[in-house]
């Protein structure tokens, strides 16, 4: 994946054939807003923040997709801070459609998107939760397995989750196969906090 800043409020993300195989995301399932597409998009925004200082904040995002060679494709992501900018961007692109069709779609999914983070010790866990507990919205559980702590998060809004992922990366390691890890934890791990783990730890262990 290659990320280039092509303007103050615009970046270009080039997705290669290798990226497609790694994330299992092509043009169709990206526009269908699948869980895999959401993970890749969140990763791309996180990398854009680190590599080219492109932050989203509360801005709307306009995403244009196009093929790139035989296997890859390109995302042009524009940061739009007002309804007027959204309308003007659509006009410049020559699109004859409602504005909402060109924003990131937030579909309800029957299967929630699970993320699991592994912390080396309880201190690191508390440090991470201290940074996210006022931002995070969703359910959470805490497990202990083989001497380490595993925080399971099911965010309400996956697209708005990239800021929290960026923060947690400083204190933990994200599990690449969360569904598989969830099965391991359910069978072999010790469930420490069954519900609202983030809120409970914040309330009882943070100063």
N, C-alpha and C. Protein backbone atom coordinates (compact mmCIF):
# COMPACT_ATOMS: atom_id res chain seq x y z
N UNK A 1 0.85 -1.19 0.00
CA UNK A 1 0.00 0.00 0.00
C UNK A 1 0.88 1.24 0.00
N UNK A 2 0.62 2.13 -0.94
CA UNK A 2 1.38 3.37 -1.02
C UNK A 2 0.45 4.56 -0.81
N UNK A 3 0.85 5.46 0.08
CA UNK A 3 0.03 6.61 0.43
C UNK A 3 0.78 7.88 0.05
N UNK A 4 0.12 8.74 -0.71
CA UNK A 4 0.70 10.00 -1.14
C UNK A 4 -0.26 11.13 -0.79
N UNK A 5 0.30 12.23 -0.34
CA UNK A 5 -0.52 13.41 -0.11
C UNK A 5 -0.50 14.25 -1.37
N UNK A 6 -1.66 14.49 -1.96
CA UNK A 6 -1.72 15.21 -3.23
C UNK A 6 -2.39 16.57 -3.09
N UNK A 7 -2.65 16.97 -1.87
CA UNK A 7 -3.23 18.27 -1.60
C UNK A 7 -3.39 18.46 -0.11
N UNK A 8 -3.76 19.65 0.30
CA UNK A 8 -3.92 19.92 1.73
C UNK A 8 -4.96 19.00 2.35
N UNK A 9 -6.02 18.71 1.61
CA UNK A 9 -7.12 17.91 2.14
C UNK A 9 -7.37 16.65 1.32
N UNK A 10 -6.34 16.14 0.67
CA UNK A 10 -6.55 14.99 -0.22
C UNK A 10 -5.33 14.08 -0.22
N UNK A 11 -5.60 12.77 -0.18
CA UNK A 11 -4.52 11.78 -0.30
C UNK A 11 -4.91 10.75 -1.37
N UNK A 12 -3.89 10.08 -1.89
CA UNK A 12 -4.10 8.98 -2.83
C UNK A 12 -3.53 7.71 -2.21
N UNK A 13 -4.36 6.67 -2.14
CA UNK A 13 -3.94 5.38 -1.60
C UNK A 13 -3.94 4.37 -2.74
N UNK A 14 -2.75 3.85 -3.05
CA UNK A 14 -2.62 2.85 -4.11
C UNK A 14 -2.58 1.47 -3.47
N UNK A 15 -3.54 0.64 -3.84
CA UNK A 15 -3.66 -0.71 -3.28
C UNK A 15 -3.17 -1.70 -4.34
N UNK A 16 -2.14 -2.45 -4.01
CA UNK A 16 -1.53 -3.38 -4.94
C UNK A 16 -2.23 -4.74 -4.91
N UNK A 17 -1.82 -5.61 -5.83
CA UNK A 17 -2.35 -6.97 -5.82
C UNK A 17 -2.02 -7.70 -4.54
N UNK A 18 -0.81 -7.48 -4.01
CA UNK A 18 -0.44 -8.10 -2.73
C UNK A 18 -1.33 -7.61 -1.60
N UNK A 19 -1.66 -6.32 -1.60
CA UNK A 19 -2.57 -5.78 -0.58
C UNK A 19 -3.93 -6.44 -0.67
N UNK A 20 -4.41 -6.61 -1.89
CA UNK A 20 -5.72 -7.24 -2.09
C UNK A 20 -5.74 -8.64 -1.51
N UNK A 21 -4.66 -9.39 -1.74
CA UNK A 21 -4.61 -10.75 -1.22
C UNK A 21 -4.49 -10.75 0.30
N UNK A 22 -3.76 -9.79 0.86
CA UNK A 22 -3.57 -9.74 2.31
C UNK A 22 -4.86 -9.35 3.02
N UNK A 23 -5.56 -8.34 2.49
CA UNK A 23 -6.77 -7.83 3.14
C UNK A 23 -8.04 -8.49 2.61
N UNK A 24 -7.93 -9.21 1.49
CA UNK A 24 -9.10 -9.81 0.84
C UNK A 24 -10.14 -8.75 0.49
N UNK A 25 -9.64 -7.66 -0.10
CA UNK A 25 -10.50 -6.52 -0.44
C UNK A 25 -10.25 -6.13 -1.88
N UNK A 26 -11.29 -6.16 -2.71
CA UNK A 26 -11.19 -5.62 -4.06
C UNK A 26 -12.18 -4.47 -4.19
N UNK A 27 -12.32 -3.95 -5.41
CA UNK A 27 -13.20 -2.79 -5.60
C UNK A 27 -14.63 -3.09 -5.17
N UNK A 28 -15.12 -4.29 -5.46
CA UNK A 28 -16.51 -4.60 -5.16
C UNK A 28 -16.77 -4.65 -3.66
N UNK A 29 -15.95 -5.42 -2.92
CA UNK A 29 -16.26 -5.51 -1.50
C UNK A 29 -15.82 -4.27 -0.73
N UNK A 30 -14.98 -3.42 -1.35
CA UNK A 30 -14.72 -2.12 -0.71
C UNK A 30 -15.97 -1.25 -0.79
N UNK A 31 -16.57 -1.15 -1.97
CA UNK A 31 -17.77 -0.32 -2.11
C UNK A 31 -18.97 -0.94 -1.38
N UNK A 32 -18.93 -2.26 -1.15
CA UNK A 32 -19.98 -2.90 -0.36
C UNK A 32 -19.77 -2.72 1.15
N UNK A 33 -18.62 -2.11 1.53
CA UNK A 33 -18.35 -1.80 2.94
C UNK A 33 -18.32 -3.06 3.82
N UNK A 34 -17.57 -4.05 3.38
CA UNK A 34 -17.46 -5.29 4.13
C UNK A 34 -16.55 -5.07 5.36
N UNK A 35 -16.57 -6.00 6.34
CA UNK A 35 -15.66 -5.88 7.48
C UNK A 35 -14.20 -5.80 7.06
N UNK A 36 -13.82 -6.59 6.02
CA UNK A 36 -12.44 -6.54 5.55
C UNK A 36 -12.10 -5.16 4.98
N UNK A 37 -13.05 -4.57 4.25
CA UNK A 37 -12.84 -3.24 3.69
C UNK A 37 -12.71 -2.20 4.81
N UNK A 38 -13.50 -2.33 5.85
CA UNK A 38 -13.42 -1.40 6.97
C UNK A 38 -12.07 -1.49 7.66
N UNK A 39 -11.57 -2.72 7.83
CA UNK A 39 -10.25 -2.89 8.45
C UNK A 39 -9.17 -2.25 7.60
N UNK A 40 -9.21 -2.47 6.29
CA UNK A 40 -8.20 -1.91 5.41
C UNK A 40 -8.28 -0.38 5.38
N UNK A 41 -9.50 0.14 5.34
CA UNK A 41 -9.68 1.58 5.29
C UNK A 41 -9.18 2.23 6.58
N UNK A 42 -9.48 1.61 7.71
CA UNK A 42 -9.00 2.12 8.99
C UNK A 42 -7.48 2.11 9.04
N UNK A 43 -6.88 1.02 8.54
CA UNK A 43 -5.42 0.93 8.50
C UNK A 43 -4.83 2.01 7.60
N UNK A 44 -5.45 2.25 6.44
CA UNK A 44 -4.95 3.26 5.51
C UNK A 44 -4.99 4.65 6.14
N UNK A 45 -6.07 4.97 6.84
CA UNK A 45 -6.16 6.28 7.49
C UNK A 45 -5.13 6.42 8.61
N UNK A 46 -4.92 5.34 9.33
CA UNK A 46 -3.91 5.37 10.39
C UNK A 46 -2.53 5.60 9.80
N UNK A 47 -2.21 4.89 8.71
CA UNK A 47 -0.92 5.07 8.06
C UNK A 47 -0.79 6.47 7.48
N UNK A 48 -1.88 7.00 6.94
CA UNK A 48 -1.84 8.35 6.37
C UNK A 48 -1.54 9.39 7.44
N UNK A 49 -2.08 9.16 8.64
CA UNK A 49 -1.80 10.08 9.74
C UNK A 49 -0.31 10.02 10.12
N UNK A 50 0.23 8.83 10.14
CA UNK A 50 1.63 8.66 10.53
C UNK A 50 2.59 9.11 9.43
N UNK A 51 2.28 8.74 8.18
CA UNK A 51 3.23 8.95 7.09
C UNK A 51 3.17 10.34 6.47
N UNK A 52 1.95 10.88 6.32
CA UNK A 52 1.83 12.16 5.60
C UNK A 52 1.06 13.21 6.41
N UNK A 53 0.87 12.93 7.72
CA UNK A 53 0.22 13.88 8.62
C UNK A 53 -1.18 14.28 8.14
N UNK A 54 -1.93 13.29 7.67
CA UNK A 54 -3.30 13.52 7.20
C UNK A 54 -4.26 13.03 8.28
N UNK A 55 -4.87 13.95 9.01
CA UNK A 55 -5.81 13.59 10.08
C UNK A 55 -7.23 13.90 9.65
N UNK A 56 -8.16 13.08 10.10
CA UNK A 56 -9.56 13.23 9.68
C UNK A 56 -10.37 14.06 10.66
N UNK A 57 -10.21 13.81 11.97
CA UNK A 57 -11.00 14.52 12.95
C UNK A 57 -12.49 14.26 12.75
N UNK A 58 -13.28 15.32 12.72
CA UNK A 58 -14.72 15.20 12.54
C UNK A 58 -15.16 15.49 11.11
N UNK A 59 -14.21 15.56 10.19
CA UNK A 59 -14.52 15.89 8.80
C UNK A 59 -15.23 14.74 8.11
N UNK A 60 -16.03 15.07 7.09
CA UNK A 60 -16.58 14.06 6.19
C UNK A 60 -15.48 13.62 5.24
N UNK A 61 -15.60 12.40 4.74
CA UNK A 61 -14.65 11.88 3.77
C UNK A 61 -15.37 11.54 2.48
N UNK A 62 -14.79 11.98 1.37
CA UNK A 62 -15.27 11.62 0.05
C UNK A 62 -14.25 10.67 -0.56
N UNK A 63 -14.69 9.48 -0.96
CA UNK A 63 -13.77 8.46 -1.46
C UNK A 63 -14.13 8.13 -2.90
N UNK A 64 -13.16 8.31 -3.79
CA UNK A 64 -13.33 7.93 -5.20
C UNK A 64 -12.42 6.74 -5.47
N UNK A 65 -12.95 5.73 -6.14
CA UNK A 65 -12.20 4.51 -6.41
C UNK A 65 -12.04 4.31 -7.90
N UNK A 66 -10.89 3.76 -8.30
CA UNK A 66 -10.65 3.49 -9.72
C UNK A 66 -9.64 2.36 -9.85
N UNK A 67 -9.74 1.58 -10.94
CA UNK A 67 -8.77 0.49 -11.15
C UNK A 67 -7.37 1.04 -11.38
N UNK A 68 -6.36 0.22 -11.06
CA UNK A 68 -4.97 0.58 -11.29
C UNK A 68 -4.23 -0.66 -11.78
N UNK A 69 -4.11 -0.81 -13.09
CA UNK A 69 -3.47 -1.99 -13.63
C UNK A 69 -4.40 -3.19 -13.61
N UNK A 70 -3.79 -4.38 -13.66
CA UNK A 70 -4.59 -5.60 -13.75
C UNK A 70 -5.21 -6.00 -12.42
N UNK A 71 -4.50 -5.73 -11.32
CA UNK A 71 -4.97 -6.23 -10.03
C UNK A 71 -5.32 -5.13 -9.04
N UNK A 72 -4.57 -4.05 -9.05
CA UNK A 72 -4.72 -3.04 -8.01
C UNK A 72 -5.80 -2.02 -8.28
N UNK A 73 -5.95 -1.11 -7.34
CA UNK A 73 -6.86 0.01 -7.51
C UNK A 73 -6.39 1.18 -6.67
N UNK A 74 -6.97 2.33 -6.91
CA UNK A 74 -6.58 3.57 -6.25
C UNK A 74 -7.78 4.17 -5.53
N UNK A 75 -7.55 4.63 -4.32
CA UNK A 75 -8.54 5.41 -3.58
C UNK A 75 -8.05 6.85 -3.49
N UNK A 76 -8.87 7.77 -3.90
CA UNK A 76 -8.58 9.18 -3.69
C UNK A 76 -9.52 9.66 -2.58
N UNK A 77 -8.94 10.00 -1.44
CA UNK A 77 -9.71 10.33 -0.24
C UNK A 77 -9.60 11.83 0.02
N UNK A 78 -10.74 12.50 0.02
CA UNK A 78 -10.78 13.94 0.25
C UNK A 78 -11.41 14.22 1.60
N UNK A 79 -10.82 15.15 2.32
CA UNK A 79 -11.34 15.57 3.62
C UNK A 79 -12.21 16.80 3.41
N UNK A 80 -13.49 16.67 3.77
CA UNK A 80 -14.46 17.74 3.53
C UNK A 80 -15.04 18.19 4.88
N UNK A 81 -15.00 19.48 5.12
CA UNK A 81 -15.36 19.97 6.45
C UNK A 81 -16.71 20.68 6.50
N UNK A 82 -17.42 20.73 5.39
CA UNK A 82 -18.74 21.37 5.39
C UNK A 82 -19.60 20.75 4.30
N UNK A 83 -20.91 20.94 4.40
CA UNK A 83 -21.82 20.45 3.38
C UNK A 83 -21.54 21.12 2.04
N UNK A 84 -21.14 22.37 2.07
CA UNK A 84 -20.81 23.08 0.84
C UNK A 84 -19.63 22.42 0.12
N UNK A 85 -18.62 22.03 0.88
CA UNK A 85 -17.46 21.36 0.28
C UNK A 85 -17.86 20.01 -0.31
N UNK A 86 -18.76 19.31 0.35
CA UNK A 86 -19.25 18.04 -0.19
C UNK A 86 -19.93 18.26 -1.53
N UNK A 87 -20.83 19.26 -1.60
CA UNK A 87 -21.56 19.54 -2.83
C UNK A 87 -20.60 19.97 -3.95
N UNK A 88 -19.65 20.83 -3.63
CA UNK A 88 -18.70 21.31 -4.64
C UNK A 88 -17.83 20.17 -5.16
N UNK A 89 -17.44 19.26 -4.27
CA UNK A 89 -16.62 18.12 -4.70
C UNK A 89 -17.38 17.23 -5.67
N UNK A 90 -18.66 17.02 -5.42
CA UNK A 90 -19.47 16.21 -6.31
C UNK A 90 -19.64 16.87 -7.67
N UNK A 91 -19.82 18.18 -7.65
CA UNK A 91 -19.96 18.91 -8.91
C UNK A 91 -18.69 18.82 -9.74
N UNK A 92 -17.53 19.01 -9.07
CA UNK A 92 -16.26 18.94 -9.78
C UNK A 92 -16.03 17.55 -10.37
N UNK A 93 -16.49 16.55 -9.66
CA UNK A 93 -16.32 15.17 -10.14
C UNK A 93 -17.33 14.82 -11.23
N UNK A 94 -18.32 15.70 -11.45
CA UNK A 94 -19.31 15.46 -12.48
C UNK A 94 -20.29 14.37 -12.15
N UNK A 95 -20.52 14.14 -10.86
CA UNK A 95 -21.41 13.07 -10.44
C UNK A 95 -22.85 13.58 -10.38
N UNK A 96 -23.75 12.81 -10.94
CA UNK A 96 -25.17 13.14 -10.90
C UNK A 96 -25.86 12.16 -9.95
N UNK A 97 -25.69 12.39 -8.68
CA UNK A 97 -26.27 11.50 -7.68
C UNK A 97 -26.39 12.23 -6.37
N UNK A 98 -27.11 11.65 -5.45
CA UNK A 98 -27.25 12.28 -4.14
C UNK A 98 -25.91 12.26 -3.42
N UNK A 99 -25.67 13.25 -2.60
CA UNK A 99 -24.40 13.38 -1.90
C UNK A 99 -24.12 12.16 -1.02
N UNK A 100 -25.14 11.65 -0.36
CA UNK A 100 -24.92 10.57 0.60
C UNK A 100 -24.39 9.32 -0.07
N UNK A 101 -24.58 9.17 -1.37
CA UNK A 101 -24.10 7.98 -2.04
C UNK A 101 -22.57 7.97 -2.18
N UNK A 102 -21.96 9.12 -1.93
CA UNK A 102 -20.52 9.20 -2.12
C UNK A 102 -19.77 9.35 -0.81
N UNK A 103 -20.46 9.26 0.28
CA UNK A 103 -19.80 9.27 1.57
C UNK A 103 -19.54 7.85 2.01
N UNK A 104 -18.70 7.72 3.02
CA UNK A 104 -18.46 6.39 3.57
C UNK A 104 -19.76 5.85 4.15
N UNK A 105 -20.19 4.73 3.65
CA UNK A 105 -21.45 4.16 4.11
C UNK A 105 -21.24 3.42 5.42
N UNK A 106 -22.17 3.60 6.34
CA UNK A 106 -22.08 2.94 7.64
C UNK A 106 -23.25 1.99 7.77
N UNK A 107 -23.08 0.79 7.27
CA UNK A 107 -24.17 -0.17 7.24
C UNK A 107 -24.23 -0.95 8.54
N UNK A 108 -25.45 -1.28 8.91
CA UNK A 108 -25.62 -2.19 10.05
C UNK A 108 -25.27 -3.60 9.59
N UNK A 109 -24.50 -4.32 10.37
CA UNK A 109 -24.11 -5.67 10.04
C UNK A 109 -24.68 -6.64 11.07
N UNK A 110 -25.13 -7.78 10.58
CA UNK A 110 -25.63 -8.79 11.49
C UNK A 110 -24.51 -9.33 12.36
N UNK A 111 -23.28 -9.43 11.81
CA UNK A 111 -22.13 -9.91 12.57
C UNK A 111 -21.28 -8.72 12.99
N UNK A 112 -21.11 -8.49 14.29
CA UNK A 112 -20.32 -7.34 14.74
C UNK A 112 -18.86 -7.50 14.40
N UNK A 113 -18.18 -6.38 14.26
CA UNK A 113 -16.76 -6.39 13.95
C UNK A 113 -15.98 -6.41 15.26
N UNK A 114 -15.27 -7.50 15.50
CA UNK A 114 -14.57 -7.72 16.77
C UNK A 114 -13.10 -7.35 16.61
N UNK A 115 -12.55 -6.71 17.63
CA UNK A 115 -11.13 -6.44 17.69
C UNK A 115 -10.61 -6.88 19.06
N UNK A 116 -9.43 -7.47 19.07
CA UNK A 116 -8.83 -7.95 20.32
C UNK A 116 -7.41 -7.42 20.41
N UNK A 117 -7.07 -6.87 21.58
CA UNK A 117 -5.75 -6.29 21.82
C UNK A 117 -5.08 -7.02 22.98
N UNK A 118 -3.82 -7.36 22.78
CA UNK A 118 -3.05 -8.09 23.79
C UNK A 118 -2.10 -7.14 24.52
N UNK A 119 -2.22 -7.10 25.85
CA UNK A 119 -1.39 -6.25 26.69
C UNK A 119 -0.44 -7.12 27.51
N UNK A 120 0.80 -6.71 27.61
CA UNK A 120 1.80 -7.53 28.31
C UNK A 120 1.52 -7.64 29.80
N UNK A 121 0.91 -6.59 30.39
CA UNK A 121 0.61 -6.62 31.82
C UNK A 121 -0.55 -5.67 32.12
N UNK A 122 -1.00 -5.68 33.37
CA UNK A 122 -2.16 -4.89 33.75
C UNK A 122 -1.86 -3.39 33.71
N UNK A 123 -0.62 -3.03 33.98
CA UNK A 123 -0.25 -1.61 33.92
C UNK A 123 -0.41 -1.05 32.51
N UNK A 124 0.06 -1.81 31.52
CA UNK A 124 -0.09 -1.37 30.13
C UNK A 124 -1.56 -1.28 29.75
N UNK A 125 -2.36 -2.23 30.23
CA UNK A 125 -3.81 -2.20 29.98
C UNK A 125 -4.43 -0.92 30.53
N UNK A 126 -4.10 -0.60 31.77
CA UNK A 126 -4.66 0.61 32.39
C UNK A 126 -4.20 1.87 31.66
N UNK A 127 -2.96 1.88 31.19
CA UNK A 127 -2.47 3.04 30.45
C UNK A 127 -3.25 3.23 29.15
N UNK A 128 -3.51 2.13 28.47
CA UNK A 128 -4.28 2.22 27.24
C UNK A 128 -5.71 2.67 27.48
N UNK A 129 -6.34 2.10 28.50
CA UNK A 129 -7.73 2.45 28.78
C UNK A 129 -7.84 3.89 29.26
N UNK A 130 -6.83 4.38 29.97
CA UNK A 130 -6.84 5.78 30.41
C UNK A 130 -6.94 6.73 29.22
N UNK A 131 -6.38 6.31 28.07
CA UNK A 131 -6.37 7.17 26.89
C UNK A 131 -7.66 7.06 26.07
N UNK A 132 -8.37 5.93 26.17
CA UNK A 132 -9.50 5.72 25.25
C UNK A 132 -10.87 5.71 25.91
N UNK A 133 -10.94 5.63 27.26
CA UNK A 133 -12.24 5.35 27.88
C UNK A 133 -13.27 6.45 27.63
N UNK A 134 -12.83 7.67 27.38
CA UNK A 134 -13.78 8.75 27.10
C UNK A 134 -14.17 8.80 25.62
N UNK A 135 -13.44 8.08 24.78
CA UNK A 135 -13.70 8.08 23.33
C UNK A 135 -14.48 6.85 22.88
N UNK A 136 -14.24 5.72 23.55
CA UNK A 136 -14.75 4.45 23.04
C UNK A 136 -16.25 4.28 23.27
N UNK A 137 -16.94 3.82 22.22
CA UNK A 137 -18.36 3.48 22.31
C UNK A 137 -18.54 2.07 21.77
N UNK A 138 -19.04 1.19 22.61
CA UNK A 138 -19.25 -0.19 22.22
C UNK A 138 -19.10 -1.11 23.42
N UNK A 139 -19.21 -2.40 23.18
CA UNK A 139 -19.08 -3.38 24.25
C UNK A 139 -17.62 -3.78 24.41
N UNK A 140 -17.30 -4.37 25.56
CA UNK A 140 -15.91 -4.76 25.82
C UNK A 140 -15.87 -5.85 26.89
N UNK A 141 -14.91 -6.77 26.74
CA UNK A 141 -14.66 -7.81 27.74
C UNK A 141 -13.16 -7.91 27.96
N UNK A 142 -12.80 -8.42 29.14
CA UNK A 142 -11.38 -8.58 29.47
C UNK A 142 -11.10 -10.03 29.82
N UNK A 143 -10.05 -10.60 29.19
CA UNK A 143 -9.60 -11.96 29.47
C UNK A 143 -8.16 -11.93 29.94
N UNK A 144 -7.76 -12.97 30.66
CA UNK A 144 -6.36 -13.23 30.95
C UNK A 144 -6.01 -14.60 30.40
N UNK A 145 -4.91 -14.66 29.66
CA UNK A 145 -4.52 -15.90 29.01
C UNK A 145 -3.00 -15.96 28.91
N UNK A 146 -2.42 -17.02 29.45
CA UNK A 146 -0.97 -17.23 29.43
C UNK A 146 -0.21 -16.01 29.97
N UNK A 147 -0.73 -15.45 31.05
CA UNK A 147 -0.04 -14.38 31.74
C UNK A 147 -0.22 -12.99 31.15
N UNK A 148 -0.97 -12.87 30.06
CA UNK A 148 -1.20 -11.57 29.43
C UNK A 148 -2.69 -11.24 29.42
N UNK A 149 -3.00 -9.96 29.20
CA UNK A 149 -4.38 -9.49 29.23
C UNK A 149 -4.87 -9.20 27.82
N UNK A 150 -6.08 -9.65 27.55
CA UNK A 150 -6.68 -9.49 26.22
C UNK A 150 -7.96 -8.69 26.36
N UNK A 151 -8.01 -7.56 25.67
CA UNK A 151 -9.18 -6.69 25.69
C UNK A 151 -9.95 -6.88 24.39
N UNK A 152 -11.17 -7.38 24.51
CA UNK A 152 -12.04 -7.59 23.36
C UNK A 152 -12.96 -6.38 23.21
N UNK A 153 -12.93 -5.75 22.04
CA UNK A 153 -13.76 -4.58 21.77
C UNK A 153 -14.67 -4.87 20.58
N UNK A 154 -15.92 -4.46 20.70
CA UNK A 154 -16.87 -4.52 19.59
C UNK A 154 -17.42 -3.11 19.42
N UNK A 155 -16.76 -2.29 18.60
CA UNK A 155 -17.16 -0.88 18.48
C UNK A 155 -18.48 -0.72 17.75
N UNK A 156 -19.21 0.31 18.14
CA UNK A 156 -20.47 0.63 17.47
C UNK A 156 -20.20 1.16 16.07
N UNK A 157 -19.19 2.00 15.94
CA UNK A 157 -18.88 2.65 14.68
C UNK A 157 -17.46 2.29 14.27
N UNK A 158 -17.32 1.34 13.33
CA UNK A 158 -15.98 0.89 12.95
C UNK A 158 -15.19 1.97 12.23
N UNK A 159 -15.86 2.80 11.42
CA UNK A 159 -15.15 3.83 10.68
C UNK A 159 -14.63 4.93 11.58
N UNK A 160 -15.29 5.15 12.71
CA UNK A 160 -14.81 6.17 13.63
C UNK A 160 -13.83 5.62 14.65
N UNK A 161 -13.40 4.36 14.46
CA UNK A 161 -12.59 3.65 15.45
C UNK A 161 -11.09 3.82 15.24
N UNK A 162 -10.68 4.39 14.09
CA UNK A 162 -9.25 4.38 13.77
C UNK A 162 -8.42 5.18 14.76
N UNK A 163 -9.00 6.24 15.35
CA UNK A 163 -8.25 7.03 16.34
C UNK A 163 -7.94 6.18 17.57
N UNK A 164 -8.91 5.39 18.02
CA UNK A 164 -8.70 4.52 19.17
C UNK A 164 -7.66 3.45 18.84
N UNK A 165 -7.72 2.88 17.64
CA UNK A 165 -6.71 1.89 17.24
C UNK A 165 -5.32 2.49 17.26
N UNK A 166 -5.20 3.72 16.81
CA UNK A 166 -3.91 4.40 16.79
C UNK A 166 -3.37 4.55 18.21
N UNK A 167 -4.24 4.90 19.15
CA UNK A 167 -3.83 5.06 20.54
C UNK A 167 -3.42 3.72 21.14
N UNK A 168 -4.25 2.70 20.95
CA UNK A 168 -3.97 1.40 21.56
C UNK A 168 -2.71 0.75 21.01
N UNK A 169 -2.31 1.11 19.80
CA UNK A 169 -1.09 0.53 19.23
C UNK A 169 0.15 0.88 20.04
N UNK A 170 0.07 1.93 20.86
CA UNK A 170 1.20 2.31 21.69
C UNK A 170 1.35 1.43 22.93
N UNK A 171 0.27 0.75 23.29
CA UNK A 171 0.27 -0.01 24.55
C UNK A 171 0.05 -1.51 24.36
N UNK A 172 -0.37 -1.92 23.18
CA UNK A 172 -0.77 -3.31 22.98
C UNK A 172 -0.46 -3.76 21.56
N UNK A 173 -0.76 -5.03 21.32
CA UNK A 173 -0.64 -5.58 19.98
C UNK A 173 -2.00 -6.08 19.53
N UNK A 174 -2.43 -5.65 18.36
CA UNK A 174 -3.73 -6.05 17.84
C UNK A 174 -3.64 -7.46 17.26
N UNK A 175 -4.59 -8.33 17.64
CA UNK A 175 -4.63 -9.68 17.11
C UNK A 175 -5.12 -9.65 15.66
N UNK A 176 -4.36 -10.31 14.77
CA UNK A 176 -4.69 -10.28 13.35
C UNK A 176 -5.90 -11.15 13.01
N UNK A 177 -6.17 -12.15 13.82
CA UNK A 177 -7.32 -13.04 13.58
C UNK A 177 -8.21 -13.03 14.82
N UNK A 178 -8.99 -11.94 15.01
CA UNK A 178 -9.73 -11.78 16.26
C UNK A 178 -10.79 -12.85 16.51
N UNK A 179 -11.43 -13.34 15.45
CA UNK A 179 -12.47 -14.36 15.65
C UNK A 179 -11.84 -15.65 16.16
N UNK A 180 -10.69 -16.02 15.56
CA UNK A 180 -9.98 -17.22 16.04
C UNK A 180 -9.53 -17.03 17.48
N UNK A 181 -8.97 -15.86 17.78
CA UNK A 181 -8.49 -15.60 19.13
C UNK A 181 -9.64 -15.57 20.12
N UNK A 182 -10.79 -15.07 19.69
CA UNK A 182 -11.96 -15.06 20.57
C UNK A 182 -12.33 -16.48 20.98
N UNK A 183 -12.24 -17.42 20.03
CA UNK A 183 -12.53 -18.81 20.34
C UNK A 183 -11.54 -19.39 21.34
N UNK A 184 -10.26 -19.05 21.17
CA UNK A 184 -9.23 -19.51 22.11
C UNK A 184 -9.49 -18.96 23.50
N UNK A 185 -9.81 -17.67 23.58
CA UNK A 185 -10.04 -17.05 24.88
C UNK A 185 -11.29 -17.60 25.55
N UNK A 186 -12.33 -17.82 24.77
CA UNK A 186 -13.57 -18.37 25.35
C UNK A 186 -13.35 -19.77 25.90
N UNK A 187 -12.47 -20.54 25.25
CA UNK A 187 -12.26 -21.93 25.67
C UNK A 187 -11.17 -22.06 26.72
N UNK A 188 -10.08 -21.29 26.58
CA UNK A 188 -8.92 -21.51 27.43
C UNK A 188 -8.58 -20.32 28.33
N UNK A 189 -9.07 -19.14 28.00
CA UNK A 189 -8.74 -17.96 28.79
C UNK A 189 -9.62 -17.83 30.03
N UNK A 190 -9.21 -16.95 30.92
CA UNK A 190 -10.00 -16.65 32.12
C UNK A 190 -10.72 -15.32 31.90
N UNK A 191 -12.05 -15.35 31.94
CA UNK A 191 -12.84 -14.14 31.75
C UNK A 191 -12.78 -13.30 33.03
N UNK A 192 -12.13 -12.16 32.95
CA UNK A 192 -11.94 -11.30 34.11
C UNK A 192 -13.10 -10.33 34.30
N UNK A 193 -13.54 -9.71 33.20
CA UNK A 193 -14.67 -8.77 33.25
C UNK A 193 -15.59 -9.12 32.08
N UNK A 194 -16.82 -9.48 32.38
CA UNK A 194 -17.73 -10.01 31.38
C UNK A 194 -18.37 -8.93 30.52
N UNK A 195 -18.55 -7.74 31.06
CA UNK A 195 -19.23 -6.68 30.30
C UNK A 195 -18.68 -5.31 30.71
N UNK A 196 -18.67 -4.38 29.74
CA UNK A 196 -18.23 -3.00 29.98
C UNK A 196 -16.85 -2.96 30.65
N UNK A 197 -15.92 -3.74 30.11
CA UNK A 197 -14.58 -3.80 30.72
C UNK A 197 -13.90 -2.44 30.71
N UNK A 198 -14.03 -1.71 29.62
CA UNK A 198 -13.37 -0.40 29.53
C UNK A 198 -13.88 0.52 30.62
N UNK A 199 -15.19 0.60 30.76
CA UNK A 199 -15.78 1.49 31.76
C UNK A 199 -15.46 1.04 33.18
N UNK A 200 -15.49 -0.28 33.43
CA UNK A 200 -15.22 -0.79 34.77
C UNK A 200 -13.79 -0.55 35.21
N UNK A 201 -12.85 -0.76 34.29
CA UNK A 201 -11.45 -0.52 34.62
C UNK A 201 -11.20 0.96 34.85
N UNK A 202 -11.79 1.79 34.02
CA UNK A 202 -11.63 3.24 34.17
C UNK A 202 -12.17 3.70 35.52
N UNK A 203 -13.31 3.14 35.93
CA UNK A 203 -13.96 3.57 37.16
C UNK A 203 -13.24 3.06 38.41
N UNK A 204 -12.63 1.88 38.32
CA UNK A 204 -12.11 1.24 39.53
C UNK A 204 -10.58 1.23 39.66
N UNK A 205 -9.88 1.46 38.57
CA UNK A 205 -8.42 1.33 38.63
C UNK A 205 -7.65 2.58 38.19
N UNK A 206 -8.33 3.52 37.57
CA UNK A 206 -7.63 4.74 37.14
C UNK A 206 -7.75 5.81 38.20
N UNK A 207 -6.71 6.57 38.36
CA UNK A 207 -6.71 7.63 39.37
C UNK A 207 -7.45 8.85 38.85
